[in-house]
Amino acid sequence: MILTLEIPFFPPILPHTTPPADPLTAYEHRFGALPHWLDELSESSARRLVRQALQRGEPLTAAECLD
């Protein structure tokens, strides 16, 4: 039996490029489109979740909007 582990690949931010100052733009640059449910949150909550996702290095999940 062979077990495999799939690890998602996120392209690294190169040191010579400056990440965008806006967290929402930085999220789109790193992970792609913003989740559709993010529009249902207040702007401050959405930015907070996006900053946390960028710090973790993982995209947002729907369960995070329930916190």
Protein backbone atom coordinates (compact mmCIF):
# COMPACT_ATOMS: atom_id res chain seq x y z
CA MET A 1 0.00 0.00 0.00
CA ILE A 2 1.31 3.41 -0.94
CA LEU A 3 0.20 6.49 0.94
CA THR A 4 0.74 9.90 -0.53
CA LEU A 5 0.59 13.32 1.03
CA GLU A 6 -0.65 16.18 -1.10
CA ILE A 7 0.80 19.52 -0.10
CA PRO A 8 -0.67 22.66 -1.63
CA PHE A 9 1.81 24.85 -3.43
CA PHE A 10 1.62 28.60 -3.00
CA PRO A 11 4.10 30.59 -5.04
CA PRO A 12 6.52 32.42 -2.78
CA ILE A 13 6.64 36.18 -2.67
CA LEU A 14 10.02 37.00 -4.12
CA PRO A 15 12.25 39.24 -2.00
CA HIS A 16 12.73 41.78 -4.77
CA THR A 17 8.97 42.35 -5.11
CA THR A 18 7.08 44.43 -2.60
CA PRO A 19 3.76 42.94 -1.52
CA PRO A 20 0.76 45.21 -1.99
CA ALA A 21 -0.05 47.46 0.98
CA ASP A 22 -3.76 46.62 0.89
CA PRO A 23 -4.38 43.23 2.56
CA LEU A 24 -7.23 42.37 0.19
CA THR A 25 -5.02 42.97 -2.85
CA ALA A 26 -2.20 41.02 -1.22
CA TYR A 27 -4.57 38.09 -0.59
CA GLU A 28 -5.71 38.08 -4.23
CA HIS A 29 -2.09 38.25 -5.38
CA ARG A 30 -1.06 35.31 -3.22
CA PHE A 31 -4.10 33.00 -3.15
CA GLY A 32 -6.35 34.12 -6.00
CA ALA A 33 -9.90 35.44 -5.71
CA LEU A 34 -11.37 36.41 -2.37
CA PRO A 35 -14.06 34.05 -1.00
CA HIS A 36 -17.58 35.15 -1.95
CA TRP A 37 -18.80 35.02 1.67
CA LEU A 38 -16.29 37.73 2.65
CA ASP A 39 -18.70 40.33 1.21
CA GLU A 40 -21.23 39.46 3.93
CA LEU A 41 -18.86 40.58 6.72
CA SER A 42 -18.11 44.09 7.87
CA GLU A 43 -15.06 45.66 6.24
CA SER A 44 -13.04 45.58 9.47
CA SER A 45 -13.83 41.90 10.08
CA ALA A 46 -12.99 40.98 6.49
CA ARG A 47 -9.64 42.80 6.64
CA ARG A 48 -8.83 41.16 9.99
CA LEU A 49 -9.50 37.67 8.61
CA VAL A 50 -7.50 38.39 5.45
CA ARG A 51 -4.51 39.66 7.48
CA GLN A 52 -4.64 36.51 9.64
CA ALA A 53 -4.72 34.30 6.54
CA LEU A 54 -1.72 36.13 5.08
CA GLN A 55 0.22 35.75 8.34
CA ARG A 56 -0.61 32.02 8.49
CA GLY A 57 0.21 31.53 4.83
CA GLU A 58 -3.05 29.66 4.19
CA PRO A 59 -6.18 30.73 2.30
CA LEU A 60 -9.41 31.46 4.15
CA THR A 61 -12.01 28.77 4.79
CA ALA A 62 -15.76 29.24 5.19
CA ALA A 63 -15.60 28.09 8.82
CA GLU A 64 -13.53 31.17 9.72
CA CYS A 65 -16.44 33.52 9.12
CA LEU A 66 -18.34 31.82 11.95
CA ASP A 67 -15.89 32.93 14.65
